[in-house]
Each structure stands twice: as structure tokens, then as C-alpha cells.
Amino acid sequence: MKNSVRTITRAAILSVAAAIAVSAWTIAGPPSFAASPSTTYAKRYDWSTNQPGHQPPHLQSQKADLDLQAFQWNRTSPRRYHQSYQRPHGWYPVHWVYCQVIPSLFWTQAYWLTGYNKYGLIDPPYGYVWVQNANDALLVNFRTGEILSVEYNVFYA
């Protein structure tokens, strides 16, 4: 008898917990699937106005304690977004991974994703920008072209 009561009690607790989670999801919307590093940023920076070599003022303190290893990943995006891509002259398909260096032709400012938050991408650390390369989004150092993160299949045409 005691085991059946425990089983019923566990089942009741699990069903109540599931109901609470579903109601929270209904009220607040689905959870964000974009895992973000522990570093959070208080203000989104308008990268479309950025000039290489000029550090945005709100990033002065964040640069010193930034752990870039927390950003190193290659993963498939859980969602896809419609976005056209105008291939640069000389473009060729490559399956990029972090730590590779992408040719500057592929990450010029014309390919920067200044509205990265619309695509479920995390805030880039100082010195990095999100760049569209065909269907993928690459987090690229805008001075060297080194790739820090890759989100595969973010876009479709």
C-alpha cells in the first residue's frame, strides 16, 4: 500500500510540475534555445555604425574579463530564418568551423548581421561581429577574420 501511495504522489507532483512549466511557457513564450555564454551585456550595440579600430564605450570593462573559450562552438541552429545572400565575386561553399580564418572578401561590412538578435544569435563580444555566409552565421573577429563561433543553417533563401 505504501509503495502505491508513493507512486501516486510522485505522479501527482510530476503532473503539477509539468502543468506549471506549460503555463509558464504559455505566458512567457517558448524558452530561448540559443545558449549564451555566462557573459551578459547590458546594452545592444548598433554595429552598423561601428568603424573598425574604434572601441564602443560601453565595452571598455567587458573586454578585460572576457573568456573567449565560452564562445567556441560549431552547432546547428534550432530555427531557420528567411534571408537572401548576395554571394561576393569569388565566393565558394565552405563548411567553416571555429578557429579557422575566413578570407576578408567573405566578412566585409556588407555581410555583417547587425540585427543578430532577430535570428536568435547571442551578443558578440568586443571585436567580433556576426557575419552571414550563405546559410550560416559566423562570429568573426573583424580585425583578423578568425572565426569564434558557427551557427549552421540559420538562413534559407
N, C-alpha and C. Protein backbone atom coordinates (compact mmCIF):
# COMPACT_ATOMS: atom_id res chain seq x y z
N MET A 1 0.82 -1.20 0.00
CA MET A 1 0.00 0.00 0.00
C MET A 1 0.86 1.26 0.00
N LYS A 2 1.94 1.24 0.82
CA LYS A 2 2.80 2.41 0.90
C LYS A 2 3.46 2.72 -0.44
N ASN A 3 3.91 1.68 -1.17
CA ASN A 3 4.54 1.89 -2.47
C ASN A 3 3.57 2.49 -3.47
N SER A 4 2.32 2.06 -3.45
CA SER A 4 1.35 2.60 -4.40
C SER A 4 1.03 4.05 -4.08
N VAL A 5 1.02 4.42 -2.78
CA VAL A 5 0.78 5.81 -2.39
C VAL A 5 1.95 6.68 -2.85
N ARG A 6 3.18 6.16 -2.67
CA ARG A 6 4.35 6.91 -3.11
C ARG A 6 4.34 7.12 -4.62
N THR A 7 3.96 6.08 -5.35
CA THR A 7 3.90 6.17 -6.80
C THR A 7 2.87 7.20 -7.23
N ILE A 8 1.71 7.17 -6.60
CA ILE A 8 0.66 8.13 -6.93
C ILE A 8 1.11 9.55 -6.58
N THR A 9 1.76 9.70 -5.43
CA THR A 9 2.23 11.02 -5.01
C THR A 9 3.28 11.56 -5.98
N ARG A 10 4.23 10.73 -6.39
CA ARG A 10 5.24 11.15 -7.36
C ARG A 10 4.60 11.55 -8.68
N ALA A 11 3.64 10.75 -9.12
CA ALA A 11 2.95 11.05 -10.38
C ALA A 11 2.20 12.37 -10.28
N ALA A 12 1.57 12.61 -9.13
CA ALA A 12 0.83 13.86 -8.94
C ALA A 12 1.78 15.06 -8.93
N ILE A 13 2.92 14.92 -8.28
CA ILE A 13 3.90 16.01 -8.22
C ILE A 13 4.44 16.29 -9.62
N LEU A 14 4.77 15.25 -10.37
CA LEU A 14 5.28 15.44 -11.73
C LEU A 14 4.25 16.09 -12.64
N SER A 15 2.99 15.69 -12.52
CA SER A 15 1.97 16.29 -13.38
C SER A 15 1.74 17.76 -13.02
N VAL A 16 1.81 18.10 -11.73
CA VAL A 16 1.66 19.50 -11.32
C VAL A 16 2.85 20.32 -11.84
N ALA A 17 4.07 19.77 -11.73
CA ALA A 17 5.25 20.47 -12.22
C ALA A 17 5.17 20.69 -13.73
N ALA A 18 4.69 19.68 -14.46
CA ALA A 18 4.55 19.82 -15.90
C ALA A 18 3.50 20.88 -16.24
N ALA A 19 2.41 20.91 -15.50
CA ALA A 19 1.37 21.92 -15.74
C ALA A 19 1.91 23.33 -15.49
N ILE A 20 2.72 23.49 -14.45
CA ILE A 20 3.30 24.80 -14.15
C ILE A 20 4.25 25.21 -15.27
N ALA A 21 5.07 24.28 -15.75
CA ALA A 21 6.01 24.60 -16.83
C ALA A 21 5.26 24.99 -18.11
N VAL A 22 4.20 24.26 -18.43
CA VAL A 22 3.42 24.58 -19.63
C VAL A 22 2.75 25.94 -19.50
N SER A 23 2.20 26.22 -18.31
CA SER A 23 1.55 27.52 -18.14
C SER A 23 2.57 28.66 -18.19
N ALA A 24 3.78 28.45 -17.67
CA ALA A 24 4.82 29.47 -17.74
C ALA A 24 5.23 29.69 -19.19
N TRP A 25 5.32 28.63 -19.97
CA TRP A 25 5.67 28.73 -21.37
C TRP A 25 4.59 29.49 -22.13
N THR A 26 3.33 29.22 -21.80
CA THR A 26 2.22 29.90 -22.46
C THR A 26 2.23 31.38 -22.16
N ILE A 27 2.55 31.76 -20.94
CA ILE A 27 2.56 33.16 -20.55
C ILE A 27 3.78 33.89 -21.09
N ALA A 28 4.96 33.30 -20.92
CA ALA A 28 6.21 33.98 -21.27
C ALA A 28 6.70 33.66 -22.67
N GLY A 29 6.14 32.68 -23.33
CA GLY A 29 6.61 32.27 -24.64
C GLY A 29 7.60 31.13 -24.50
N PRO A 30 7.98 30.50 -25.60
CA PRO A 30 8.88 29.35 -25.52
C PRO A 30 10.25 29.77 -25.03
N PRO A 31 10.98 28.84 -24.42
CA PRO A 31 12.31 29.18 -23.95
C PRO A 31 13.24 29.48 -25.10
N SER A 32 14.26 30.28 -24.84
CA SER A 32 15.25 30.60 -25.86
C SER A 32 16.18 29.41 -25.99
N PHE A 33 16.40 28.95 -27.22
CA PHE A 33 17.26 27.81 -27.43
C PHE A 33 18.69 28.22 -27.70
N ALA A 34 18.95 29.50 -27.85
CA ALA A 34 20.32 29.97 -28.09
C ALA A 34 21.06 30.01 -26.77
N ALA A 35 21.94 29.04 -26.58
CA ALA A 35 22.72 29.03 -25.35
C ALA A 35 23.68 30.20 -25.40
N SER A 36 23.75 30.93 -24.34
CA SER A 36 24.66 32.06 -24.34
C SER A 36 25.72 31.86 -23.27
N PRO A 37 26.90 32.37 -23.52
CA PRO A 37 27.96 32.29 -22.52
C PRO A 37 27.56 33.05 -21.26
N SER A 38 28.33 32.84 -20.21
CA SER A 38 27.99 33.44 -18.93
C SER A 38 28.06 34.97 -18.96
N THR A 39 28.79 35.53 -19.92
CA THR A 39 28.90 36.98 -20.00
C THR A 39 27.61 37.55 -20.57
N THR A 40 27.02 38.49 -19.87
CA THR A 40 25.82 39.13 -20.37
C THR A 40 26.14 40.58 -20.65
N TYR A 41 25.44 41.16 -21.57
CA TYR A 41 25.69 42.52 -21.98
C TYR A 41 24.47 43.37 -21.68
N ALA A 42 24.68 44.50 -21.06
CA ALA A 42 23.59 45.36 -20.63
C ALA A 42 22.95 46.10 -21.79
N LYS A 43 23.70 46.39 -22.83
CA LYS A 43 23.19 47.21 -23.92
C LYS A 43 23.58 46.60 -25.26
N ARG A 44 22.63 46.54 -26.17
CA ARG A 44 22.95 46.09 -27.52
C ARG A 44 23.61 47.24 -28.28
N TYR A 45 24.67 46.93 -28.97
CA TYR A 45 25.41 47.95 -29.70
C TYR A 45 24.98 47.94 -31.16
N ASP A 46 24.82 49.07 -31.75
CA ASP A 46 24.45 49.18 -33.16
C ASP A 46 25.72 49.04 -34.00
N TRP A 47 26.01 47.81 -34.41
CA TRP A 47 27.24 47.52 -35.13
C TRP A 47 27.26 48.14 -36.53
N SER A 48 26.12 48.55 -37.04
CA SER A 48 26.10 49.14 -38.39
C SER A 48 26.82 50.49 -38.41
N THR A 49 26.97 51.13 -37.25
CA THR A 49 27.67 52.41 -37.18
C THR A 49 29.12 52.26 -36.73
N ASN A 50 29.54 51.03 -36.47
CA ASN A 50 30.89 50.80 -35.97
C ASN A 50 31.94 51.03 -37.05
N GLN A 51 33.03 51.61 -36.66
CA GLN A 51 34.19 51.78 -37.53
C GLN A 51 35.32 50.93 -36.96
N PRO A 52 35.90 50.03 -37.76
CA PRO A 52 37.00 49.20 -37.25
C PRO A 52 38.10 50.07 -36.62
N GLY A 53 38.57 49.62 -35.47
CA GLY A 53 39.60 50.35 -34.76
C GLY A 53 39.06 51.28 -33.69
N HIS A 54 37.74 51.50 -33.65
CA HIS A 54 37.13 52.34 -32.63
C HIS A 54 36.34 51.46 -31.68
N GLN A 55 36.71 51.47 -30.42
CA GLN A 55 36.05 50.63 -29.44
C GLN A 55 34.80 51.31 -28.90
N PRO A 56 33.65 50.62 -28.96
CA PRO A 56 32.43 51.20 -28.38
C PRO A 56 32.64 51.45 -26.88
N PRO A 57 32.19 52.59 -26.37
CA PRO A 57 32.48 52.96 -24.98
C PRO A 57 31.92 52.00 -23.94
N HIS A 58 30.77 51.39 -24.20
CA HIS A 58 30.18 50.52 -23.18
C HIS A 58 30.88 49.17 -23.07
N LEU A 59 31.84 48.88 -23.92
CA LEU A 59 32.53 47.60 -23.87
C LEU A 59 33.90 47.67 -23.20
N GLN A 60 34.29 48.83 -22.69
CA GLN A 60 35.60 49.00 -22.07
C GLN A 60 35.83 47.98 -20.95
N SER A 61 34.88 47.82 -20.04
CA SER A 61 35.07 46.94 -18.89
C SER A 61 34.87 45.48 -19.25
N GLN A 62 34.12 45.18 -20.30
CA GLN A 62 33.84 43.80 -20.64
C GLN A 62 35.02 43.11 -21.31
N LYS A 63 35.87 43.87 -21.96
CA LYS A 63 36.99 43.30 -22.70
C LYS A 63 37.99 42.62 -21.77
N ALA A 64 38.23 43.19 -20.59
CA ALA A 64 39.27 42.71 -19.69
C ALA A 64 39.00 41.30 -19.16
N ASP A 65 37.75 40.98 -18.83
CA ASP A 65 37.46 39.70 -18.19
C ASP A 65 36.69 38.75 -19.12
N LEU A 66 36.86 38.88 -20.40
CA LEU A 66 36.13 38.06 -21.36
C LEU A 66 36.80 36.71 -21.56
N ASP A 67 36.03 35.64 -21.44
CA ASP A 67 36.52 34.28 -21.66
C ASP A 67 36.06 33.83 -23.04
N LEU A 68 36.94 33.89 -24.02
CA LEU A 68 36.57 33.55 -25.39
C LEU A 68 36.28 32.07 -25.57
N GLN A 69 36.81 31.20 -24.70
CA GLN A 69 36.54 29.78 -24.83
C GLN A 69 35.06 29.47 -24.65
N ALA A 70 34.36 30.32 -23.92
CA ALA A 70 32.92 30.10 -23.72
C ALA A 70 32.15 30.30 -25.02
N PHE A 71 32.75 30.95 -26.00
CA PHE A 71 32.09 31.22 -27.27
C PHE A 71 32.46 30.21 -28.36
N GLN A 72 33.42 29.33 -28.12
CA GLN A 72 33.91 28.45 -29.18
C GLN A 72 32.98 27.26 -29.37
N TRP A 73 32.21 27.30 -30.46
CA TRP A 73 31.33 26.19 -30.78
C TRP A 73 31.01 26.18 -32.27
N ASN A 74 30.60 25.02 -32.72
CA ASN A 74 30.00 24.80 -34.04
C ASN A 74 28.72 24.06 -33.74
N ARG A 75 27.59 24.63 -34.10
CA ARG A 75 26.33 23.95 -33.82
C ARG A 75 25.29 24.33 -34.86
N THR A 76 24.27 23.51 -34.94
CA THR A 76 23.18 23.76 -35.87
C THR A 76 22.12 24.59 -35.18
N SER A 77 21.64 25.59 -35.86
CA SER A 77 20.63 26.47 -35.30
C SER A 77 19.31 25.72 -35.13
N PRO A 78 18.63 25.94 -34.01
CA PRO A 78 17.34 25.26 -33.80
C PRO A 78 16.22 25.86 -34.65
N ARG A 79 16.42 27.07 -35.18
CA ARG A 79 15.41 27.73 -36.01
C ARG A 79 16.06 28.24 -37.28
N ARG A 80 15.25 28.43 -38.33
CA ARG A 80 15.76 28.95 -39.59
C ARG A 80 14.98 30.20 -39.95
N TYR A 81 15.65 31.12 -40.63
CA TYR A 81 15.07 32.41 -40.98
C TYR A 81 15.28 32.67 -42.47
N HIS A 82 14.30 33.31 -43.08
CA HIS A 82 14.42 33.65 -44.49
C HIS A 82 15.30 34.88 -44.63
N GLN A 83 16.39 34.75 -45.38
CA GLN A 83 17.32 35.86 -45.58
C GLN A 83 18.07 35.57 -46.88
N SER A 84 18.02 36.51 -47.79
CA SER A 84 18.76 36.32 -49.05
C SER A 84 20.25 36.54 -48.81
N TYR A 85 21.05 36.04 -49.72
CA TYR A 85 22.51 36.16 -49.61
C TYR A 85 23.09 36.47 -50.98
N GLN A 86 23.70 37.61 -51.11
CA GLN A 86 24.35 38.01 -52.37
C GLN A 86 25.81 37.57 -52.28
N ARG A 87 26.14 36.54 -53.00
CA ARG A 87 27.50 35.99 -52.94
C ARG A 87 28.52 36.97 -53.51
N PRO A 88 29.64 37.16 -52.80
CA PRO A 88 30.69 38.02 -53.36
C PRO A 88 31.37 37.31 -54.52
N HIS A 89 31.97 38.10 -55.41
CA HIS A 89 32.71 37.53 -56.55
C HIS A 89 33.84 36.68 -55.99
N GLY A 90 33.91 35.45 -56.44
CA GLY A 90 34.94 34.55 -55.94
C GLY A 90 34.48 33.68 -54.80
N TRP A 91 33.20 33.81 -54.40
CA TRP A 91 32.68 33.02 -53.28
C TRP A 91 32.68 31.54 -53.64
N TYR A 92 32.94 30.71 -52.67
CA TYR A 92 32.86 29.27 -52.85
C TYR A 92 32.34 28.67 -51.55
N PRO A 93 31.57 27.57 -51.63
CA PRO A 93 30.99 27.00 -50.40
C PRO A 93 32.07 26.32 -49.55
N VAL A 94 32.05 26.64 -48.27
CA VAL A 94 32.98 26.06 -47.31
C VAL A 94 32.20 25.76 -46.03
N HIS A 95 32.49 24.63 -45.43
CA HIS A 95 31.89 24.29 -44.14
C HIS A 95 32.86 24.81 -43.07
N TRP A 96 32.65 26.07 -42.64
CA TRP A 96 33.57 26.73 -41.71
C TRP A 96 33.38 26.17 -40.31
N VAL A 97 34.45 26.17 -39.52
CA VAL A 97 34.41 25.80 -38.11
C VAL A 97 35.20 26.84 -37.31
N TYR A 98 34.97 26.88 -35.99
CA TYR A 98 35.67 27.88 -35.20
C TYR A 98 37.18 27.65 -35.24
N CYS A 99 37.92 28.73 -35.08
CA CYS A 99 39.38 28.80 -35.12
C CYS A 99 39.94 28.88 -36.54
N GLN A 100 39.11 28.73 -37.57
CA GLN A 100 39.59 28.94 -38.92
C GLN A 100 39.58 30.44 -39.20
N VAL A 101 40.31 30.84 -40.23
CA VAL A 101 40.34 32.25 -40.64
C VAL A 101 39.64 32.34 -41.99
N ILE A 102 38.60 33.16 -42.03
CA ILE A 102 37.80 33.32 -43.24
C ILE A 102 38.40 34.46 -44.08
N PRO A 103 38.46 34.32 -45.40
CA PRO A 103 39.01 35.40 -46.24
C PRO A 103 38.21 36.69 -46.06
N SER A 104 38.88 37.81 -46.08
CA SER A 104 38.24 39.11 -45.82
C SER A 104 37.13 39.42 -46.82
N LEU A 105 37.20 38.88 -48.00
CA LEU A 105 36.16 39.07 -49.00
C LEU A 105 34.80 38.62 -48.49
N PHE A 106 34.78 37.59 -47.62
CA PHE A 106 33.53 37.00 -47.13
C PHE A 106 32.99 37.66 -45.88
N TRP A 107 33.77 38.52 -45.23
CA TRP A 107 33.27 39.13 -43.99
C TRP A 107 33.37 40.65 -44.00
N THR A 108 33.26 41.25 -45.16
CA THR A 108 33.22 42.71 -45.22
C THR A 108 31.94 43.21 -44.56
N GLN A 109 31.87 44.49 -44.29
CA GLN A 109 30.75 45.06 -43.54
C GLN A 109 29.41 44.82 -44.23
N ALA A 110 29.41 44.60 -45.53
CA ALA A 110 28.16 44.31 -46.26
C ALA A 110 27.52 43.01 -45.79
N TYR A 111 28.29 42.10 -45.18
CA TYR A 111 27.79 40.81 -44.74
C TYR A 111 27.57 40.73 -43.23
N TRP A 112 27.82 41.82 -42.52
CA TRP A 112 27.59 41.83 -41.07
C TRP A 112 26.11 41.71 -40.77
N LEU A 113 25.78 40.94 -39.77
CA LEU A 113 24.40 40.80 -39.31
C LEU A 113 24.19 41.76 -38.14
N THR A 114 23.84 42.99 -38.45
CA THR A 114 23.68 43.98 -37.39
C THR A 114 22.43 43.71 -36.56
N GLY A 115 21.46 43.02 -37.11
CA GLY A 115 20.25 42.66 -36.36
C GLY A 115 20.31 41.22 -35.89
N TYR A 116 21.45 40.81 -35.36
CA TYR A 116 21.68 39.42 -34.97
C TYR A 116 20.65 38.89 -33.98
N ASN A 117 20.12 39.75 -33.12
CA ASN A 117 19.15 39.28 -32.13
C ASN A 117 17.85 38.81 -32.78
N LYS A 118 17.54 39.27 -34.00
CA LYS A 118 16.35 38.80 -34.72
C LYS A 118 16.49 37.35 -35.14
N TYR A 119 17.72 36.85 -35.17
CA TYR A 119 17.98 35.49 -35.63
C TYR A 119 18.36 34.55 -34.48
N GLY A 120 18.13 34.97 -33.26
CA GLY A 120 18.42 34.13 -32.10
C GLY A 120 19.90 34.00 -31.80
N LEU A 121 20.71 34.93 -32.29
CA LEU A 121 22.16 34.89 -32.06
C LEU A 121 22.50 35.72 -30.82
N ILE A 122 23.52 35.30 -30.11
CA ILE A 122 23.92 35.99 -28.89
C ILE A 122 24.64 37.30 -29.21
N ASP A 123 24.76 38.16 -28.22
CA ASP A 123 25.52 39.40 -28.38
C ASP A 123 26.98 39.05 -28.63
N PRO A 124 27.60 39.65 -29.63
CA PRO A 124 29.01 39.35 -29.88
C PRO A 124 29.90 40.06 -28.86
N PRO A 125 31.00 39.42 -28.48
CA PRO A 125 31.95 40.11 -27.60
C PRO A 125 32.66 41.21 -28.39
N TYR A 126 33.31 42.12 -27.67
CA TYR A 126 34.01 43.22 -28.34
C TYR A 126 35.03 42.67 -29.34
N GLY A 127 35.03 43.27 -30.51
CA GLY A 127 35.98 42.88 -31.55
C GLY A 127 35.45 41.83 -32.50
N TYR A 128 34.24 41.36 -32.26
CA TYR A 128 33.65 40.32 -33.09
C TYR A 128 32.31 40.79 -33.65
N VAL A 129 31.97 40.30 -34.83
CA VAL A 129 30.69 40.61 -35.45
C VAL A 129 30.12 39.32 -36.03
N TRP A 130 28.78 39.28 -36.07
CA TRP A 130 28.11 38.16 -36.74
C TRP A 130 28.11 38.45 -38.24
N VAL A 131 28.48 37.45 -39.03
CA VAL A 131 28.58 37.57 -40.47
C VAL A 131 27.76 36.45 -41.11
N GLN A 132 26.99 36.79 -42.13
CA GLN A 132 26.27 35.76 -42.86
C GLN A 132 27.17 35.21 -43.95
N ASN A 133 27.26 33.89 -44.03
CA ASN A 133 27.99 33.22 -45.10
C ASN A 133 27.08 32.13 -45.62
N ALA A 134 26.39 32.41 -46.71
CA ALA A 134 25.37 31.52 -47.28
C ALA A 134 24.28 31.27 -46.23
N ASN A 135 24.10 30.03 -45.79
CA ASN A 135 23.05 29.71 -44.82
C ASN A 135 23.52 29.77 -43.37
N ASP A 136 24.78 30.06 -43.15
CA ASP A 136 25.37 30.02 -41.82
C ASP A 136 25.63 31.41 -41.27
N ALA A 137 25.72 31.49 -39.95
CA ALA A 137 26.12 32.72 -39.27
C ALA A 137 27.45 32.45 -38.57
N LEU A 138 28.43 33.30 -38.82
CA LEU A 138 29.76 33.13 -38.25
C LEU A 138 30.07 34.30 -37.33
N LEU A 139 30.59 34.03 -36.17
CA LEU A 139 31.05 35.08 -35.26
C LEU A 139 32.53 35.28 -35.56
N VAL A 140 32.86 36.42 -36.17
CA VAL A 140 34.18 36.65 -36.75
C VAL A 140 34.86 37.85 -36.09
N ASN A 141 36.16 37.71 -35.82
CA ASN A 141 36.96 38.84 -35.36
C ASN A 141 37.10 39.81 -36.52
N PHE A 142 36.62 41.05 -36.35
CA PHE A 142 36.61 41.95 -37.50
C PHE A 142 37.97 42.54 -37.85
N ARG A 143 38.99 42.19 -37.10
CA ARG A 143 40.35 42.62 -37.47
C ARG A 143 41.12 41.51 -38.21
N THR A 144 40.93 40.27 -37.75
CA THR A 144 41.74 39.17 -38.28
C THR A 144 40.97 38.19 -39.15
N GLY A 145 39.65 38.12 -39.01
CA GLY A 145 38.85 37.15 -39.75
C GLY A 145 38.78 35.79 -39.09
N GLU A 146 39.34 35.66 -37.87
CA GLU A 146 39.27 34.38 -37.18
C GLU A 146 37.85 34.13 -36.71
N ILE A 147 37.37 32.91 -36.92
CA ILE A 147 36.01 32.54 -36.55
C ILE A 147 36.00 32.06 -35.10
N LEU A 148 35.09 32.63 -34.32
CA LEU A 148 34.96 32.25 -32.91
C LEU A 148 33.82 31.26 -32.71
N SER A 149 32.71 31.44 -33.42
CA SER A 149 31.55 30.56 -33.30
C SER A 149 30.90 30.39 -34.67
N VAL A 150 30.23 29.25 -34.84
CA VAL A 150 29.49 29.00 -36.08
C VAL A 150 28.11 28.46 -35.74
N GLU A 151 27.10 29.08 -36.32
CA GLU A 151 25.71 28.58 -36.23
C GLU A 151 25.34 28.13 -37.65
N TYR A 152 25.18 26.83 -37.83
CA TYR A 152 24.86 26.30 -39.15
C TYR A 152 23.35 26.39 -39.43
N ASN A 153 23.02 26.57 -40.69
CA ASN A 153 21.62 26.56 -41.17
C ASN A 153 20.71 27.53 -40.46
N VAL A 154 21.19 28.73 -40.23
CA VAL A 154 20.36 29.78 -39.63
C VAL A 154 19.41 30.34 -40.70
N PHE A 155 19.86 30.36 -41.94
CA PHE A 155 19.11 31.02 -43.01
C PHE A 155 18.71 30.07 -44.12
N TYR A 156 17.68 30.45 -44.82
CA TYR A 156 17.32 29.81 -46.08
C TYR A 156 16.90 30.90 -47.04
N ALA A 157 17.09 30.67 -48.32
CA ALA A 157 16.76 31.70 -49.32
C ALA A 157 15.38 31.50 -49.88
